[in-house]
Amino acid sequence: MSDILLLDTDVETSLRSAVRDLLTTRCDPSAVVRAYEGDRTLTRMLWKSIADELGLAGLLIPEDRGGAGGTARDAAVVLEEFGRFVAPVPFLTSSVIAATVLLAGNSALVGQLGDGECSAALLTPFSTASVAQVPTLTADAQGRVSGRVTSVAGALDADVLLAAVQTVNGTEVHALAAAAAAIEPVVSLDMTRPVADVIVDSVPGRVVVAAESGWAALQSGLTIGAALLASEQAGVAAWCLETTVEYLKLRRQFGRVVGGFQALKHRLADLYVEVESASAAARYAAGTFAAGDPDSVIATAVAASYCSDIAVRAAEEAIQLHGGIGMTWEHPAHLYLKRAKADQIGLGSPGHHRGLLADLVGLPVEKAESAQ
């Protein structure tokens, strides 16, 4: 295991504080829940604040290409806070996945993404686990792209769509104007990160990543996306644990504080260990990317397989231990369970990543599957 710092640096602490302050004042759960009514007002307002005021739209883009020059550790801090607030913003899809893909080419679109002038989304289902599962579209001699992709996360908020196009020379990445595509919203479990079916019919596109780099660019985008999604899941789990502990300190039953019951103490202690472990796994994965460590592939598989399950468990415990109020629409706990369940299949299921991990470390697949 590499020597990766798991605690925040001073810079990361300041970044966390800035993001948390903004979300505390502008991302109230009562506003977030309106996403389930189709209201995207908060997303537009919040994304503008994140891009313009904090300058985070191009966090992973180098300064010489118009971005902030941050690292995967910085992005992990941001995503952890977004998880704590279930922030309905396209940071993961645009600033992480799409930006990473674009960095493999020389398009000026990278700078526009970094300045917050536009946002982008990769045309692939949110459940895509590897580049082999990325749908490839077709392009005619004039560069007009056609095809259909289902369950695309970030498409509703994107100005630009990145399409994988199969050519005789390999897989190219084309940039398409989102306004020229037919984007059909899909009712899904987590409407704070909505998915949509996208149909493009002879839409003009331009090559932003050449065929010789396309395959690797797509894989890089999906891999770092899975690694940093784990940080969002760690943030979801942390909020659920902290909120539940605070509630049980106040709730009284049978003349005493509920949190004083031994059975609940043991239950919360077990959950605390799991949540802290998830945080460590997510930060280690982000740290390996920031350091350019070859252990990043293994670290991603560990974080992606572990953090997704812990986020769901923490959200389920939060709802159950809040009792009747936790089951209501008015309490925000349901937002966290829906985000956790949707994230659980995002960019590969836990089972997929456990199987990948087994291959990476040389474990027999049968043993890995039985451990699931």
Protein backbone atom coordinates (compact mmCIF):
# COMPACT_ATOMS: atom_id res chain seq x y z
CA MET A 1 0.00 0.00 0.00
CA SER A 2 1.29 3.44 -0.92
CA ASP A 3 1.96 6.19 1.59
CA ILE A 4 -1.20 8.24 0.92
CA LEU A 5 -2.33 10.90 3.41
CA LEU A 6 -5.92 10.28 4.49
CA LEU A 7 -6.41 13.49 6.47
CA ASP A 8 -7.26 16.83 4.87
CA THR A 9 -4.46 19.26 4.16
CA ASP A 10 -4.93 22.93 5.07
CA VAL A 11 -5.94 23.69 1.47
CA GLU A 12 -8.46 20.86 1.44
CA THR A 13 -9.88 21.99 4.78
CA SER A 14 -10.43 25.47 3.35
CA LEU A 15 -12.02 24.03 0.22
CA ARG A 16 -14.32 21.85 2.30
CA SER A 17 -15.35 24.82 4.42
CA ALA A 18 -16.12 26.97 1.37
CA VAL A 19 -18.24 24.28 -0.26
CA ARG A 20 -20.05 23.45 2.97
CA ASP A 21 -20.81 27.11 3.69
CA LEU A 22 -22.29 27.59 0.22
CA LEU A 23 -24.39 24.44 0.42
CA THR A 24 -25.59 25.23 3.95
CA THR A 25 -27.09 28.51 2.79
CA ARG A 26 -28.29 27.50 -0.69
CA CYS A 27 -29.04 23.76 -0.67
CA ASP A 28 -31.83 23.31 1.84
CA PRO A 29 -33.55 19.90 1.75
CA SER A 30 -36.91 21.60 1.19
CA ALA A 31 -35.52 22.96 -2.07
CA VAL A 32 -33.79 19.71 -3.04
CA VAL A 33 -37.00 17.70 -2.72
CA ARG A 34 -38.66 19.86 -5.38
CA ALA A 35 -36.54 18.01 -7.94
CA TYR A 36 -39.07 15.20 -7.58
CA GLU A 37 -41.69 17.57 -8.95
CA GLY A 38 -39.55 18.31 -12.00
CA ASP A 39 -38.30 21.65 -10.68
CA ARG A 40 -34.68 22.19 -11.84
CA THR A 41 -34.39 25.74 -10.47
CA LEU A 42 -32.08 24.77 -7.61
CA THR A 43 -29.76 22.87 -9.95
CA ARG A 44 -29.29 25.85 -12.24
CA MET A 45 -28.79 28.30 -9.39
CA LEU A 46 -26.47 26.05 -7.41
CA TRP A 47 -24.35 25.05 -10.41
CA LYS A 48 -23.87 28.70 -11.35
CA SER A 49 -22.69 29.47 -7.83
CA ILE A 50 -20.32 26.49 -7.82
CA ALA A 51 -18.91 27.36 -11.23
CA ASP A 52 -18.73 31.15 -10.94
CA GLU A 53 -18.23 31.88 -7.23
CA LEU A 54 -16.11 28.88 -6.26
CA GLY A 55 -14.61 28.18 -9.69
CA LEU A 56 -15.04 24.42 -9.33
CA ALA A 57 -16.44 23.54 -12.76
CA GLY A 58 -12.90 23.06 -14.05
CA LEU A 59 -11.36 21.75 -10.84
CA LEU A 60 -9.57 18.82 -12.51
CA ILE A 61 -8.51 20.80 -15.58
CA PRO A 62 -4.91 22.12 -15.54
CA GLU A 63 -4.44 25.86 -15.27
CA ASP A 64 -2.69 26.07 -18.64
CA ARG A 65 -5.86 24.68 -20.24
CA GLY A 66 -8.26 27.05 -18.51
CA GLY A 67 -9.06 25.15 -15.31
CA ALA A 68 -8.31 25.40 -11.60
CA GLY A 69 -5.47 22.87 -11.63
CA GLY A 70 -6.86 20.82 -8.75
CA THR A 71 -6.26 17.17 -8.00
CA ALA A 72 -8.47 14.16 -7.48
CA ARG A 73 -8.12 14.76 -3.71
CA ASP A 74 -9.67 18.20 -4.15
CA ALA A 75 -12.51 16.74 -6.22
CA ALA A 76 -13.04 14.07 -3.55
CA VAL A 77 -13.48 16.77 -0.90
CA VAL A 78 -16.04 18.54 -3.07
CA LEU A 79 -17.97 15.35 -3.82
CA GLU A 80 -18.00 14.32 -0.18
CA GLU A 81 -19.70 17.60 0.67
CA PHE A 82 -22.11 17.22 -2.24
CA GLY A 83 -23.00 13.81 -0.81
CA ARG A 84 -23.66 15.34 2.61
CA PHE A 85 -26.19 17.70 1.07
CA VAL A 86 -27.47 15.47 -1.77
CA ALA A 87 -26.62 18.44 -3.99
CA PRO A 88 -28.43 18.17 -7.36
CA VAL A 89 -25.50 19.36 -9.50
CA PRO A 90 -23.69 17.79 -12.50
CA PHE A 91 -20.21 17.98 -10.97
CA LEU A 92 -19.52 14.23 -11.26
CA THR A 93 -20.81 13.91 -14.80
CA SER A 94 -19.36 17.13 -16.18
CA SER A 95 -16.37 18.21 -14.09
CA VAL A 96 -15.05 14.71 -13.44
CA ILE A 97 -16.05 12.21 -16.13
CA ALA A 98 -16.52 14.49 -19.16
CA ALA A 99 -13.56 16.70 -18.25
CA THR A 100 -11.24 13.69 -17.89
CA VAL A 101 -12.30 12.37 -21.29
CA LEU A 102 -11.78 15.75 -22.93
CA LEU A 103 -8.31 16.18 -21.45
CA ALA A 104 -7.10 13.39 -23.76
CA GLY A 105 -7.68 15.70 -26.75
CA ASN A 106 -6.76 19.23 -27.76
CA SER A 107 -10.22 20.73 -28.06
CA ALA A 108 -10.91 24.27 -26.89
CA LEU A 109 -13.97 22.82 -25.24
CA VAL A 110 -11.78 21.93 -22.26
CA GLY A 111 -11.23 25.62 -21.53
CA GLN A 112 -14.93 26.39 -21.88
CA LEU A 113 -15.69 23.63 -19.39
CA GLY A 114 -13.03 25.00 -17.05
CA ASP A 115 -14.45 28.52 -17.20
CA GLY A 116 -17.92 27.27 -16.42
CA GLU A 117 -19.18 28.50 -19.80
CA CYS A 118 -20.75 25.13 -20.47
CA SER A 119 -21.24 21.68 -18.97
CA ALA A 120 -20.89 18.30 -20.63
CA ALA A 121 -22.08 14.72 -20.25
CA LEU A 122 -20.76 11.47 -21.65
CA LEU A 123 -23.35 9.54 -23.64
CA THR A 124 -23.36 6.30 -21.72
CA PRO A 125 -25.78 4.77 -19.19
CA PHE A 126 -25.03 5.76 -15.60
CA SER A 127 -24.60 2.08 -14.79
CA THR A 128 -21.69 1.70 -17.24
CA ALA A 129 -18.85 -0.10 -15.49
CA SER A 130 -16.16 -0.28 -18.19
CA VAL A 131 -15.31 1.13 -21.58
CA ALA A 132 -16.45 -2.10 -23.20
CA GLN A 133 -20.02 -1.21 -22.16
CA VAL A 134 -19.98 2.33 -23.60
CA PRO A 135 -22.48 2.52 -26.49
CA THR A 136 -20.89 3.53 -29.79
CA LEU A 137 -22.80 5.75 -32.18
CA THR A 138 -22.36 6.10 -35.94
CA ALA A 139 -21.16 9.04 -38.01
CA ASP A 140 -21.62 9.63 -41.74
CA ALA A 141 -19.07 11.10 -44.14
CA GLN A 142 -20.10 14.63 -43.13
CA GLY A 143 -19.52 13.91 -39.45
CA ARG A 144 -23.21 13.78 -38.56
CA VAL A 145 -23.77 11.47 -35.62
CA SER A 146 -26.77 9.22 -35.05
CA GLY A 147 -27.77 6.79 -32.33
CA ARG A 148 -29.68 6.28 -29.09
CA VAL A 149 -28.38 5.95 -25.55
CA THR A 150 -30.54 5.26 -22.50
CA SER A 151 -30.29 6.32 -18.85
CA VAL A 152 -27.65 9.02 -19.32
CA ALA A 153 -26.85 10.95 -16.14
CA GLY A 154 -26.16 14.65 -16.55
CA ALA A 155 -27.75 14.93 -20.00
CA LEU A 156 -30.54 17.23 -18.81
CA ASP A 157 -28.02 19.74 -17.46
CA ALA A 158 -25.46 19.47 -20.27
CA ASP A 159 -24.77 21.96 -23.04
CA VAL A 160 -22.49 19.48 -24.82
CA LEU A 161 -22.83 15.71 -25.22
CA LEU A 162 -19.76 13.54 -25.72
CA ALA A 163 -20.42 10.55 -27.97
CA ALA A 164 -18.21 7.52 -28.58
CA VAL A 165 -18.14 6.96 -32.35
CA GLN A 166 -16.72 3.80 -33.87
CA THR A 167 -14.55 4.36 -36.95
CA VAL A 168 -12.23 2.20 -39.01
CA ASN A 169 -9.32 3.68 -37.06
CA GLY A 170 -10.79 3.08 -33.62
CA THR A 171 -13.12 4.87 -31.20
CA GLU A 172 -13.32 8.65 -31.52
CA VAL A 173 -15.06 11.00 -29.11
CA HIS A 174 -17.33 13.56 -30.78
CA ALA A 175 -18.84 16.66 -29.17
CA LEU A 176 -22.50 17.32 -30.00
CA ALA A 177 -24.72 20.26 -29.12
CA ALA A 178 -27.22 19.04 -26.54
CA ALA A 179 -29.84 21.37 -28.00
CA ALA A 180 -29.74 19.38 -31.25
CA ALA A 181 -30.52 16.07 -29.52
CA ALA A 182 -33.84 14.70 -28.35
CA ILE A 183 -33.45 14.32 -24.58
CA GLU A 184 -36.28 12.46 -22.88
CA PRO A 185 -36.28 12.59 -19.04
CA VAL A 186 -36.77 9.25 -17.31
CA VAL A 187 -38.55 8.90 -13.98
CA SER A 188 -35.98 7.30 -11.71
CA LEU A 189 -35.44 6.57 -8.04
CA ASP A 190 -33.07 9.51 -7.51
CA MET A 191 -34.40 12.62 -9.22
CA THR A 192 -31.62 14.76 -7.74
CA ARG A 193 -29.36 13.14 -10.34
CA PRO A 194 -31.89 12.53 -13.11
CA VAL A 195 -31.20 10.29 -16.07
CA ALA A 196 -32.53 10.68 -19.58
CA ASP A 197 -32.74 8.78 -22.84
CA VAL A 198 -30.90 10.61 -25.60
CA ILE A 199 -31.59 10.29 -29.31
CA VAL A 200 -29.36 11.96 -31.89
CA ASP A 201 -30.35 11.89 -35.54
CA SER A 202 -27.75 13.24 -37.97
CA VAL A 203 -26.52 15.77 -35.42
CA PRO A 204 -23.36 17.64 -36.50
CA GLY A 205 -20.39 16.70 -34.35
CA ARG A 206 -16.73 17.54 -34.07
CA VAL A 207 -13.93 15.22 -33.06
CA VAL A 208 -12.55 16.20 -29.64
CA VAL A 209 -10.55 13.04 -28.93
CA ALA A 210 -8.86 11.20 -31.79
CA ALA A 211 -9.30 7.49 -32.43
CA GLU A 212 -5.86 6.54 -31.13
CA SER A 213 -6.70 8.08 -27.73
CA GLY A 214 -10.47 7.54 -27.55
CA TRP A 215 -10.55 4.13 -25.87
CA ALA A 216 -8.09 5.11 -23.15
CA ALA A 217 -9.83 8.46 -22.61
CA LEU A 218 -13.19 6.81 -22.06
CA GLN A 219 -11.72 4.27 -19.66
CA SER A 220 -9.94 7.02 -17.70
CA GLY A 221 -13.16 8.99 -17.36
CA LEU A 222 -15.12 6.00 -16.09
CA THR A 223 -12.38 4.86 -13.70
CA ILE A 224 -11.85 8.21 -12.00
CA GLY A 225 -15.62 8.67 -11.99
CA ALA A 226 -16.06 5.42 -10.04
CA ALA A 227 -13.25 6.35 -7.66
CA LEU A 228 -14.68 9.78 -6.87
CA LEU A 229 -18.27 8.56 -6.72
CA ALA A 230 -17.07 6.65 -3.65
CA SER A 231 -16.34 10.00 -1.97
CA GLU A 232 -19.89 11.13 -2.61
CA GLN A 233 -21.12 7.88 -1.09
CA ALA A 234 -18.89 8.43 1.93
CA GLY A 235 -20.46 11.87 2.33
CA VAL A 236 -23.96 10.40 2.18
CA ALA A 237 -23.04 7.81 4.82
CA ALA A 238 -21.42 10.40 7.10
CA TRP A 239 -24.50 12.65 7.05
CA CYS A 240 -26.78 9.72 7.83
CA LEU A 241 -24.67 8.61 10.78
CA GLU A 242 -24.17 12.09 12.25
CA THR A 243 -27.82 13.06 11.88
CA THR A 244 -29.02 9.81 13.44
CA VAL A 245 -26.67 10.15 16.43
CA GLU A 246 -27.84 13.72 17.05
CA TYR A 247 -31.48 12.64 16.84
CA LEU A 248 -31.03 9.77 19.28
CA LYS A 249 -29.40 12.13 21.77
CA LEU A 250 -32.64 14.12 21.91
CA ARG A 251 -35.39 11.54 21.43
CA ARG A 252 -36.78 10.23 24.72
CA GLN A 253 -38.68 7.03 25.32
CA PHE A 254 -39.67 5.27 28.55
CA GLY A 255 -38.37 8.26 30.47
CA ARG A 256 -34.81 8.19 29.09
CA VAL A 257 -32.83 9.27 26.06
CA VAL A 258 -33.16 6.65 23.32
CA GLY A 259 -29.47 6.89 22.48
CA GLY A 260 -28.69 5.58 25.95
CA PHE A 261 -29.99 2.09 25.22
CA GLN A 262 -27.12 -0.36 24.98
CA ALA A 263 -28.43 -2.12 21.88
CA LEU A 264 -28.56 1.15 19.96
CA LYS A 265 -25.09 2.12 21.15
CA HIS A 266 -23.67 -1.12 19.74
CA ARG A 267 -25.58 -0.65 16.51
CA LEU A 268 -24.28 2.88 16.03
CA ALA A 269 -20.75 1.88 17.01
CA ASP A 270 -20.74 -0.77 14.27
CA LEU A 271 -22.06 1.75 11.77
CA TYR A 272 -19.43 4.30 12.84
CA VAL A 273 -16.62 1.84 12.10
CA GLU A 274 -18.09 1.11 8.66
CA VAL A 275 -18.59 4.78 7.78
CA GLU A 276 -15.06 5.70 8.85
CA SER A 277 -13.70 2.77 6.84
CA ALA A 278 -15.66 3.95 3.81
CA SER A 279 -14.23 7.43 4.18
CA ALA A 280 -10.70 6.04 4.39
CA ALA A 281 -11.20 3.83 1.33
CA ALA A 282 -12.60 6.72 -0.71
CA ARG A 283 -9.84 9.13 0.30
CA TYR A 284 -7.16 6.56 -0.43
CA ALA A 285 -8.57 5.97 -3.90
CA ALA A 286 -8.62 9.71 -4.62
CA GLY A 287 -5.11 10.04 -3.20
CA THR A 288 -3.72 7.40 -5.57
CA PHE A 289 -5.07 9.33 -8.55
CA ALA A 290 -3.64 12.58 -7.23
CA ALA A 291 -0.23 10.94 -6.78
CA GLY A 292 -0.30 9.11 -10.10
CA ASP A 293 0.06 5.86 -8.19
CA PRO A 294 -0.42 2.61 -10.16
CA ASP A 295 -2.36 1.27 -7.18
CA SER A 296 -5.28 3.48 -8.29
CA VAL A 297 -7.06 0.69 -10.17
CA ILE A 298 -7.08 -1.59 -7.13
CA ALA A 299 -7.94 1.29 -4.79
CA THR A 300 -10.87 2.23 -7.03
CA ALA A 301 -12.24 -1.32 -6.98
CA VAL A 302 -11.99 -1.42 -3.18
CA ALA A 303 -13.64 1.97 -2.68
CA ALA A 304 -16.37 1.44 -5.27
CA SER A 305 -17.36 -1.97 -3.92
CA TYR A 306 -17.29 -0.98 -0.24
CA CYS A 307 -18.56 2.60 -0.12
CA SER A 308 -21.71 1.98 -2.15
CA ASP A 309 -22.95 -0.72 0.22
CA ILE A 310 -22.11 1.32 3.33
CA ALA A 311 -23.95 4.38 2.00
CA VAL A 312 -27.09 2.28 1.53
CA ARG A 313 -26.74 0.68 4.96
CA ALA A 314 -26.23 4.05 6.67
CA ALA A 315 -29.27 5.52 4.92
CA GLU A 316 -31.42 2.54 5.85
CA GLU A 317 -30.30 2.78 9.47
CA ALA A 318 -31.02 6.52 9.50
CA ILE A 319 -34.59 5.97 8.36
CA GLN A 320 -35.23 3.11 10.76
CA LEU A 321 -33.64 4.75 13.81
CA HIS A 322 -35.49 8.01 13.21
CA GLY A 323 -38.70 6.03 13.72
CA GLY A 324 -41.94 7.35 12.27
CA ILE A 325 -40.54 10.74 11.28
CA GLY A 326 -37.86 9.05 9.19
CA MET A 327 -40.55 7.52 6.99
CA THR A 328 -42.11 10.87 6.09
CA TRP A 329 -41.64 12.96 2.97
CA GLU A 330 -40.88 16.01 5.13
CA HIS A 331 -37.75 14.47 6.65
CA PRO A 332 -34.75 14.49 4.25
CA ALA A 333 -33.64 10.93 5.07
CA HIS A 334 -35.43 9.55 2.01
CA LEU A 335 -33.31 11.78 -0.25
CA TYR A 336 -30.18 10.09 1.05
CA LEU A 337 -31.53 6.57 0.67
CA LYS A 338 -32.56 7.28 -2.92
CA ARG A 339 -29.16 8.79 -3.76
CA ALA A 340 -27.38 5.88 -2.09
CA LYS A 341 -29.45 3.25 -3.92
CA ALA A 342 -28.97 4.97 -7.28
CA ASP A 343 -25.24 5.40 -6.68
CA GLN A 344 -24.99 1.72 -5.77
CA ILE A 345 -25.34 0.78 -9.44
CA GLY A 346 -23.65 3.90 -10.80
CA LEU A 347 -20.46 3.23 -12.79
CA GLY A 348 -20.54 -0.45 -11.87
CA SER A 349 -22.27 -2.42 -9.13
CA PRO A 350 -20.44 -3.56 -5.98
CA GLY A 351 -20.43 -7.09 -7.39
CA HIS A 352 -18.75 -5.92 -10.57
CA HIS A 353 -16.01 -4.13 -8.66
CA ARG A 354 -15.48 -7.08 -6.32
CA GLY A 355 -15.07 -9.32 -9.34
CA LEU A 356 -12.63 -6.84 -10.87
CA LEU A 357 -10.72 -6.68 -7.60
CA ALA A 358 -10.50 -10.47 -7.50
CA ASP A 359 -8.94 -10.47 -10.96
CA LEU A 360 -6.53 -7.69 -10.06
CA VAL A 361 -5.19 -9.39 -6.95
CA GLY A 362 -5.29 -12.92 -8.32
CA LEU A 363 -8.18 -14.37 -6.31
CA PRO A 364 -10.21 -17.20 -7.84
CA VAL A 365 -13.48 -15.80 -9.16
CA GLU A 366 -15.52 -18.48 -7.37
CA LYS A 367 -14.26 -17.29 -3.98
CA ALA A 368 -14.91 -13.66 -4.86
CA GLU A 369 -18.48 -14.43 -5.94
CA SER A 370 -19.22 -16.45 -2.82
CA ALA A 371 -18.03 -13.51 -0.72
CA GLN A 372 -20.68 -11.26 -2.22
